[in-house]
Amino acid sequence: MRVVVVHYHEIALKAGNRGLFIGRLMGNLRKATGGTGVGGIQKQTGR
């Protein structure tokens, strides 16, 4: 299984808009990987 890990430290600093930024990032990742056979994109919280 192939895995890509995306760290988004700068987004985590903007607590007021964090949900908006993470949602937009995930949407962009889905668009960028569409048709490439990527099984899924998921958000993991914590360290």
N, C-alpha and C. Protein backbone atom coordinates (compact mmCIF):
# COMPACT_ATOMS: atom_id res chain seq x y z
N MET A 1 0.84 -1.17 0.00
CA MET A 1 0.00 0.00 0.00
C MET A 1 0.89 1.24 0.00
N ARG A 2 0.54 2.20 -0.83
CA ARG A 2 1.29 3.47 -0.89
C ARG A 2 0.56 4.50 -0.05
N VAL A 3 1.34 5.29 0.66
CA VAL A 3 0.77 6.30 1.56
C VAL A 3 1.49 7.62 1.34
N VAL A 4 0.73 8.70 1.34
CA VAL A 4 1.29 10.04 1.29
C VAL A 4 0.84 10.75 2.55
N VAL A 5 1.77 11.35 3.26
CA VAL A 5 1.46 12.08 4.48
C VAL A 5 1.64 13.57 4.20
N VAL A 6 0.62 14.35 4.51
CA VAL A 6 0.68 15.80 4.30
C VAL A 6 0.64 16.46 5.67
N HIS A 7 1.66 17.24 5.97
CA HIS A 7 1.70 18.00 7.23
C HIS A 7 1.26 19.42 6.92
N TYR A 8 0.40 19.95 7.75
CA TYR A 8 -0.12 21.29 7.49
C TYR A 8 0.00 22.16 8.73
N HIS A 9 1.20 22.37 9.18
CA HIS A 9 1.46 23.12 10.40
C HIS A 9 0.94 24.55 10.34
N GLU A 10 1.10 25.20 9.21
CA GLU A 10 0.66 26.59 9.10
C GLU A 10 -0.84 26.71 9.27
N ILE A 11 -1.58 25.74 8.77
CA ILE A 11 -3.04 25.76 8.90
C ILE A 11 -3.43 25.60 10.36
N ALA A 12 -2.73 24.77 11.08
CA ALA A 12 -3.06 24.51 12.48
C ALA A 12 -2.91 25.76 13.34
N LEU A 13 -2.10 26.71 12.91
CA LEU A 13 -1.91 27.92 13.69
C LEU A 13 -3.10 28.87 13.60
N LYS A 14 -3.89 28.75 12.55
CA LYS A 14 -5.02 29.65 12.34
C LYS A 14 -6.29 28.98 12.87
N ALA A 15 -6.43 28.91 14.17
CA ALA A 15 -7.51 28.15 14.80
C ALA A 15 -8.89 28.62 14.38
N GLY A 16 -9.09 29.92 14.17
CA GLY A 16 -10.41 30.43 13.82
C GLY A 16 -10.91 29.93 12.48
N ASN A 17 -10.02 29.71 11.54
CA ASN A 17 -10.39 29.27 10.19
C ASN A 17 -9.89 27.87 9.87
N ARG A 18 -9.47 27.14 10.87
CA ARG A 18 -8.85 25.83 10.64
C ARG A 18 -9.75 24.90 9.83
N GLY A 19 -11.03 24.80 10.21
CA GLY A 19 -11.94 23.91 9.50
C GLY A 19 -12.07 24.26 8.03
N LEU A 20 -12.17 25.55 7.74
CA LEU A 20 -12.26 26.00 6.36
C LEU A 20 -11.01 25.62 5.57
N PHE A 21 -9.84 25.89 6.14
CA PHE A 21 -8.59 25.61 5.45
C PHE A 21 -8.37 24.11 5.24
N ILE A 22 -8.68 23.32 6.26
CA ILE A 22 -8.50 21.87 6.13
C ILE A 22 -9.47 21.31 5.10
N GLY A 23 -10.71 21.79 5.13
CA GLY A 23 -11.69 21.34 4.14
C GLY A 23 -11.27 21.67 2.73
N ARG A 24 -10.74 22.86 2.54
CA ARG A 24 -10.28 23.28 1.20
C ARG A 24 -9.07 22.44 0.77
N LEU A 25 -8.15 22.18 1.70
CA LEU A 25 -6.98 21.35 1.39
C LEU A 25 -7.41 19.95 0.96
N MET A 26 -8.34 19.36 1.71
CA MET A 26 -8.79 18.01 1.38
C MET A 26 -9.51 17.99 0.02
N GLY A 27 -10.31 19.01 -0.25
CA GLY A 27 -10.97 19.09 -1.55
C GLY A 27 -9.96 19.20 -2.69
N ASN A 28 -8.94 20.02 -2.49
CA ASN A 28 -7.90 20.17 -3.51
C ASN A 28 -7.12 18.88 -3.72
N LEU A 29 -6.86 18.15 -2.63
CA LEU A 29 -6.17 16.87 -2.75
C LEU A 29 -7.01 15.87 -3.52
N ARG A 30 -8.32 15.86 -3.26
CA ARG A 30 -9.21 14.95 -4.00
C ARG A 30 -9.21 15.28 -5.50
N LYS A 31 -9.27 16.57 -5.82
CA LYS A 31 -9.23 16.98 -7.24
C LYS A 31 -7.91 16.59 -7.88
N ALA A 32 -6.81 16.83 -7.17
CA ALA A 32 -5.48 16.57 -7.73
C ALA A 32 -5.22 15.08 -7.93
N THR A 33 -5.84 14.24 -7.11
CA THR A 33 -5.59 12.81 -7.19
C THR A 33 -6.71 12.06 -7.91
N GLY A 34 -7.71 12.79 -8.39
CA GLY A 34 -8.81 12.16 -9.10
C GLY A 34 -8.33 11.40 -10.32
N GLY A 35 -8.82 10.19 -10.48
CA GLY A 35 -8.44 9.37 -11.63
C GLY A 35 -7.08 8.72 -11.53
N THR A 36 -6.43 8.82 -10.38
CA THR A 36 -5.10 8.22 -10.22
C THR A 36 -5.14 6.90 -9.46
N GLY A 37 -6.32 6.49 -9.03
CA GLY A 37 -6.44 5.25 -8.29
C GLY A 37 -6.26 5.40 -6.80
N VAL A 38 -6.24 6.63 -6.31
CA VAL A 38 -6.13 6.86 -4.87
C VAL A 38 -7.40 6.34 -4.21
N GLY A 39 -7.24 5.50 -3.20
CA GLY A 39 -8.38 4.87 -2.54
C GLY A 39 -9.17 5.81 -1.66
N GLY A 40 -8.52 6.78 -1.07
CA GLY A 40 -9.23 7.70 -0.19
C GLY A 40 -8.30 8.70 0.45
N ILE A 41 -8.92 9.75 0.95
CA ILE A 41 -8.19 10.79 1.67
C ILE A 41 -8.89 10.97 2.99
N GLN A 42 -8.13 10.96 4.07
CA GLN A 42 -8.74 11.12 5.38
C GLN A 42 -7.92 12.03 6.25
N LYS A 43 -8.61 12.67 7.16
CA LYS A 43 -7.97 13.59 8.10
C LYS A 43 -7.72 12.84 9.40
N GLN A 44 -6.53 12.97 9.93
CA GLN A 44 -6.18 12.36 11.20
C GLN A 44 -5.78 13.48 12.15
N THR A 45 -6.40 13.52 13.30
CA THR A 45 -6.06 14.55 14.27
C THR A 45 -5.03 14.03 15.24
N GLY A 46 -4.39 14.93 15.93
CA GLY A 46 -3.38 14.55 16.90
C GLY A 46 -2.00 14.47 16.28
N ARG A 47 -1.08 13.92 17.03
CA ARG A 47 0.30 13.84 16.56
C ARG A 47 0.56 12.51 16.01
